[in-house]
Amino acid sequence: MDELGQHILIEYYECDKIILNDLAVVTKMMGEAAEAAGAEIINSTFHQFSPQGVSGVVIITESHITIHTWPEYGYAAVDIFTCGDYATPWKAYRYIKKGIKSQKSFTRNIRRGNWNKTREQFDVKNEVELDEIKWNYG
């Protein structure tokens, strides 16, 4: 096995603002996205923020799918992390994109647990470098 899983980080833009603020719709859509990917759902929890926005997680046997919405910007941040070869995370990506009516999206696919890659290939920063970045910019 070359890797343990895929972690897709997604930026969805120009989404339907009403859908992004509807707890029931987002909850249902995320469960269906997990099913579309062929994942097995263990549990899920979602929260409606005031005055707007929804956050939630679907825990799947293969790992998790999360969403955080900003209806006021028509934006949603989604993580889809699947381990093994059973689930197909890109099917969940497409399902969610269609469900929130996103007109534009950007993704980053991170291969997790890949022992065949070197540190340089991953653009990894160590804790000292991260502390320096925080100190210099934060």
C-alpha atoms as a PDB file:
ATOM      1  CA  MET A   1       0.000   0.000   0.000  1.00  0.00           C
ATOM      2  CA  ASP A   2       1.432   3.372  -1.013  1.00  0.00           C
ATOM      3  CA  GLU A   3      -0.825   5.457   1.209  1.00  0.00           C
ATOM      4  CA  LEU A   4      -3.416   5.193   3.947  1.00  0.00           C
ATOM      5  CA  GLY A   5      -5.946   7.639   2.537  1.00  0.00           C
ATOM      6  CA  GLN A   6      -6.936  10.753   0.659  1.00  0.00           C
ATOM      7  CA  HIS A   7      -7.821  14.063   2.270  1.00  0.00           C
ATOM      8  CA  ILE A   8      -9.519  16.451  -0.110  1.00  0.00           C
ATOM      9  CA  LEU A   9      -9.721  20.090   1.024  1.00  0.00           C
ATOM     10  CA  ILE A  10     -12.391  21.961  -0.907  1.00  0.00           C
ATOM     11  CA  GLU A  11     -13.284  25.621  -1.320  1.00  0.00           C
ATOM     12  CA  TYR A  12     -16.789  26.006  -2.805  1.00  0.00           C
ATOM     13  CA  TYR A  13     -17.637  29.511  -4.061  1.00  0.00           C
ATOM     14  CA  GLU A  14     -20.728  31.189  -5.514  1.00  0.00           C
ATOM     15  CA  CYS A  15     -23.059  28.774  -3.746  1.00  0.00           C
ATOM     16  CA  ASP A  16     -26.779  29.098  -3.072  1.00  0.00           C
ATOM     17  CA  LYS A  17     -26.926  31.229   0.090  1.00  0.00           C
ATOM     18  CA  ILE A  18     -30.299  29.866   1.188  1.00  0.00           C
ATOM     19  CA  ILE A  19     -29.119  26.248   0.988  1.00  0.00           C
ATOM     20  CA  LEU A  20     -25.924  27.080   2.897  1.00  0.00           C
ATOM     21  CA  ASN A  21     -28.014  28.386   5.787  1.00  0.00           C
ATOM     22  CA  ASP A  22     -30.533  25.523   5.928  1.00  0.00           C
ATOM     23  CA  LEU A  23     -29.538  23.068   8.665  1.00  0.00           C
ATOM     24  CA  ALA A  24     -31.940  20.332   7.523  1.00  0.00           C
ATOM     25  CA  VAL A  25     -30.886  20.541   3.868  1.00  0.00           C
ATOM     26  CA  VAL A  26     -27.150  20.595   4.645  1.00  0.00           C
ATOM     27  CA  THR A  27     -27.484  17.695   7.102  1.00  0.00           C
ATOM     28  CA  LYS A  28     -29.384  15.548   4.601  1.00  0.00           C
ATOM     29  CA  MET A  29     -27.077  16.473   1.710  1.00  0.00           C
ATOM     30  CA  MET A  30     -23.917  15.564   3.650  1.00  0.00           C
ATOM     31  CA  GLY A  31     -25.291  12.140   4.587  1.00  0.00           C
ATOM     32  CA  GLU A  32     -26.272  11.523   0.990  1.00  0.00           C
ATOM     33  CA  ALA A  33     -22.804  12.649  -0.174  1.00  0.00           C
ATOM     34  CA  ALA A  34     -21.221  10.050   2.108  1.00  0.00           C
ATOM     35  CA  GLU A  35     -23.554   7.404   0.682  1.00  0.00           C
ATOM     36  CA  ALA A  36     -22.785   8.545  -2.887  1.00  0.00           C
ATOM     37  CA  ALA A  37     -19.094   7.987  -2.120  1.00  0.00           C
ATOM     38  CA  GLY A  38     -19.853   4.455  -0.965  1.00  0.00           C
ATOM     39  CA  ALA A  39     -18.894   5.261   2.616  1.00  0.00           C
ATOM     40  CA  GLU A  40     -20.456   3.709   5.701  1.00  0.00           C
ATOM     41  CA  ILE A  41     -21.926   6.322   8.065  1.00  0.00           C
ATOM     42  CA  ILE A  42     -21.239   5.821  11.771  1.00  0.00           C
ATOM     43  CA  ASN A  43     -22.659   9.070  13.163  1.00  0.00           C
ATOM     44  CA  SER A  44     -23.128  12.740  12.365  1.00  0.00           C
ATOM     45  CA  THR A  45     -23.677  16.036  14.105  1.00  0.00           C
ATOM     46  CA  PHE A  46     -24.545  19.470  12.749  1.00  0.00           C
ATOM     47  CA  HIS A  47     -25.050  22.918  14.235  1.00  0.00           C
ATOM     48  CA  GLN A  48     -26.953  26.021  13.048  1.00  0.00           C
ATOM     49  CA  PHE A  49     -25.196  29.274  13.929  1.00  0.00           C
ATOM     50  CA  SER A  50     -26.907  32.573  14.642  1.00  0.00           C
ATOM     51  CA  PRO A  51     -27.378  34.715  12.705  1.00  0.00           C
ATOM     52  CA  GLN A  52     -26.295  32.328   9.936  1.00  0.00           C
ATOM     53  CA  GLY A  53     -24.127  29.393   8.926  1.00  0.00           C
ATOM     54  CA  VAL A  54     -23.998  25.655   9.403  1.00  0.00           C
ATOM     55  CA  SER A  55     -21.151  23.397  10.505  1.00  0.00           C
ATOM     56  CA  GLY A  56     -21.170  19.667  10.712  1.00  0.00           C
ATOM     57  CA  VAL A  57     -19.385  16.374  10.481  1.00  0.00           C
ATOM     58  CA  VAL A  58     -20.312  12.975   9.152  1.00  0.00           C
ATOM     59  CA  ILE A  59     -18.180  10.291  10.765  1.00  0.00           C
ATOM     60  CA  ILE A  60     -17.706   7.431   8.333  1.00  0.00           C
ATOM     61  CA  THR A  61     -15.957   4.099   8.758  1.00  0.00           C
ATOM     62  CA  GLU A  62     -13.382   5.394   6.294  1.00  0.00           C
ATOM     63  CA  SER A  63     -12.811   8.663   8.313  1.00  0.00           C
ATOM     64  CA  HIS A  64     -14.932  11.847   8.002  1.00  0.00           C
ATOM     65  CA  ILE A  65     -16.621  14.501   5.879  1.00  0.00           C
ATOM     66  CA  THR A  66     -16.987  18.028   7.307  1.00  0.00           C
ATOM     67  CA  ILE A  67     -18.606  21.269   6.190  1.00  0.00           C
ATOM     68  CA  HIS A  68     -18.523  24.866   7.410  1.00  0.00           C
ATOM     69  CA  THR A  69     -20.714  27.394   5.592  1.00  0.00           C
ATOM     70  CA  TRP A  70     -20.674  31.177   5.302  1.00  0.00           C
ATOM     71  CA  PRO A  71     -24.008  31.958   3.600  1.00  0.00           C
ATOM     72  CA  GLU A  72     -23.287  35.689   3.598  1.00  0.00           C
ATOM     73  CA  TYR A  73     -20.382  35.003   1.209  1.00  0.00           C
ATOM     74  CA  GLY A  74     -21.914  32.093  -0.706  1.00  0.00           C
ATOM     75  CA  TYR A  75     -18.954  30.028   0.503  1.00  0.00           C
ATOM     76  CA  ALA A  76     -18.439  26.585   2.035  1.00  0.00           C
ATOM     77  CA  ALA A  77     -15.277  24.846   3.249  1.00  0.00           C
ATOM     78  CA  VAL A  78     -15.411  21.052   3.063  1.00  0.00           C
ATOM     79  CA  ASP A  79     -12.972  18.293   4.027  1.00  0.00           C
ATOM     80  CA  ILE A  80     -13.408  14.761   2.743  1.00  0.00           C
ATOM     81  CA  PHE A  81     -11.007  12.277   4.316  1.00  0.00           C
ATOM     82  CA  THR A  82     -11.271   8.631   3.316  1.00  0.00           C
ATOM     83  CA  CYS A  83      -8.960   5.760   4.171  1.00  0.00           C
ATOM     84  CA  GLY A  84      -8.595   2.552   2.234  1.00  0.00           C
ATOM     85  CA  ASP A  85      -9.918   1.789  -1.219  1.00  0.00           C
ATOM     86  CA  TYR A  86     -13.629   1.283  -0.560  1.00  0.00           C
ATOM     87  CA  ALA A  87     -15.025   4.845  -0.637  1.00  0.00           C
ATOM     88  CA  THR A  88     -14.644   7.222  -3.588  1.00  0.00           C
ATOM     89  CA  PRO A  89     -14.236  10.752  -2.144  1.00  0.00           C
ATOM     90  CA  TRP A  90     -14.548  12.512  -5.502  1.00  0.00           C
ATOM     91  CA  LYS A  91     -18.142  11.256  -5.774  1.00  0.00           C
ATOM     92  CA  ALA A  92     -18.914  13.040  -2.488  1.00  0.00           C
ATOM     93  CA  TYR A  93     -17.173  16.162  -3.816  1.00  0.00           C
ATOM     94  CA  ARG A  94     -19.397  16.230  -6.923  1.00  0.00           C
ATOM     95  CA  TYR A  95     -22.545  15.485  -4.903  1.00  0.00           C
ATOM     96  CA  ILE A  96     -21.910  18.373  -2.516  1.00  0.00           C
ATOM     97  CA  LYS A  97     -20.974  20.761  -5.348  1.00  0.00           C
ATOM     98  CA  LYS A  98     -24.279  20.039  -7.051  1.00  0.00           C
ATOM     99  CA  GLY A  99     -26.225  20.137  -3.752  1.00  0.00           C
ATOM    100  CA  ILE A 100     -25.051  23.627  -2.768  1.00  0.00           C
ATOM    101  CA  LYS A 101     -25.133  24.820  -6.395  1.00  0.00           C
ATOM    102  CA  SER A 102     -21.502  25.901  -6.345  1.00  0.00           C
ATOM    103  CA  GLN A 103     -20.417  27.741  -9.482  1.00  0.00           C
ATOM    104  CA  LYS A 104     -16.698  27.540  -8.701  1.00  0.00           C
ATOM    105  CA  SER A 105     -14.531  25.311  -6.553  1.00  0.00           C
ATOM    106  CA  PHE A 106     -10.888  24.700  -5.756  1.00  0.00           C
ATOM    107  CA  THR A 107      -9.481  21.493  -4.329  1.00  0.00           C
ATOM    108  CA  ARG A 108      -6.311  20.172  -2.824  1.00  0.00           C
ATOM    109  CA  ASN A 109      -5.877  16.418  -2.611  1.00  0.00           C
ATOM    110  CA  ILE A 110      -3.482  15.322   0.111  1.00  0.00           C
ATOM    111  CA  ARG A 111      -2.309  11.721   0.130  1.00  0.00           C
ATOM    112  CA  ARG A 112      -2.126  10.698   3.806  1.00  0.00           C
ATOM    113  CA  GLY A 113       0.315   8.176   5.249  1.00  0.00           C
ATOM    114  CA  ASN A 114       2.470   7.908   2.141  1.00  0.00           C
ATOM    115  CA  TRP A 115       5.817   6.467   3.233  1.00  0.00           C
ATOM    116  CA  ASN A 116       7.232   6.605  -0.296  1.00  0.00           C
ATOM    117  CA  LYS A 117       7.380  10.404  -0.281  1.00  0.00           C
ATOM    118  CA  THR A 118      10.138  12.476   1.191  1.00  0.00           C
ATOM    119  CA  ARG A 119       9.682  15.516   3.380  1.00  0.00           C
ATOM    120  CA  GLU A 120      10.676  17.845   0.541  1.00  0.00           C
ATOM    121  CA  GLN A 121       7.949  16.502  -1.745  1.00  0.00           C
ATOM    122  CA  PHE A 122       5.239  17.439   0.754  1.00  0.00           C
ATOM    123  CA  ASP A 123       6.247  21.063   1.519  1.00  0.00           C
ATOM    124  CA  VAL A 124       6.120  20.192   5.220  1.00  0.00           C
ATOM    125  CA  LYS A 125       7.105  22.704   7.881  1.00  0.00           C
ATOM    126  CA  ASN A 126       8.406  21.624  11.233  1.00  0.00           C
ATOM    127  CA  GLU A 127       7.183  23.057  14.533  1.00  0.00           C
ATOM    128  CA  VAL A 128      10.045  25.577  14.792  1.00  0.00           C
ATOM    129  CA  GLU A 129       9.250  26.974  11.351  1.00  0.00           C
ATOM    130  CA  LEU A 130       5.545  27.174  12.208  1.00  0.00           C
ATOM    131  CA  ASP A 131       6.317  28.977  15.479  1.00  0.00           C
ATOM    132  CA  GLU A 132       8.435  31.487  13.553  1.00  0.00           C
ATOM    133  CA  ILE A 133       5.648  32.066  11.054  1.00  0.00           C
ATOM    134  CA  LYS A 134       3.152  32.627  13.873  1.00  0.00           C
ATOM    135  CA  TRP A 135       5.501  35.012  15.617  1.00  0.00           C
ATOM    136  CA  ASN A 136       6.335  36.944  12.448  1.00  0.00           C
ATOM    137  CA  TYR A 137       2.815  37.143  11.041  1.00  0.00           C
ATOM    138  CA  GLY A 138       0.375  36.494  13.825  1.00  0.00           C
END
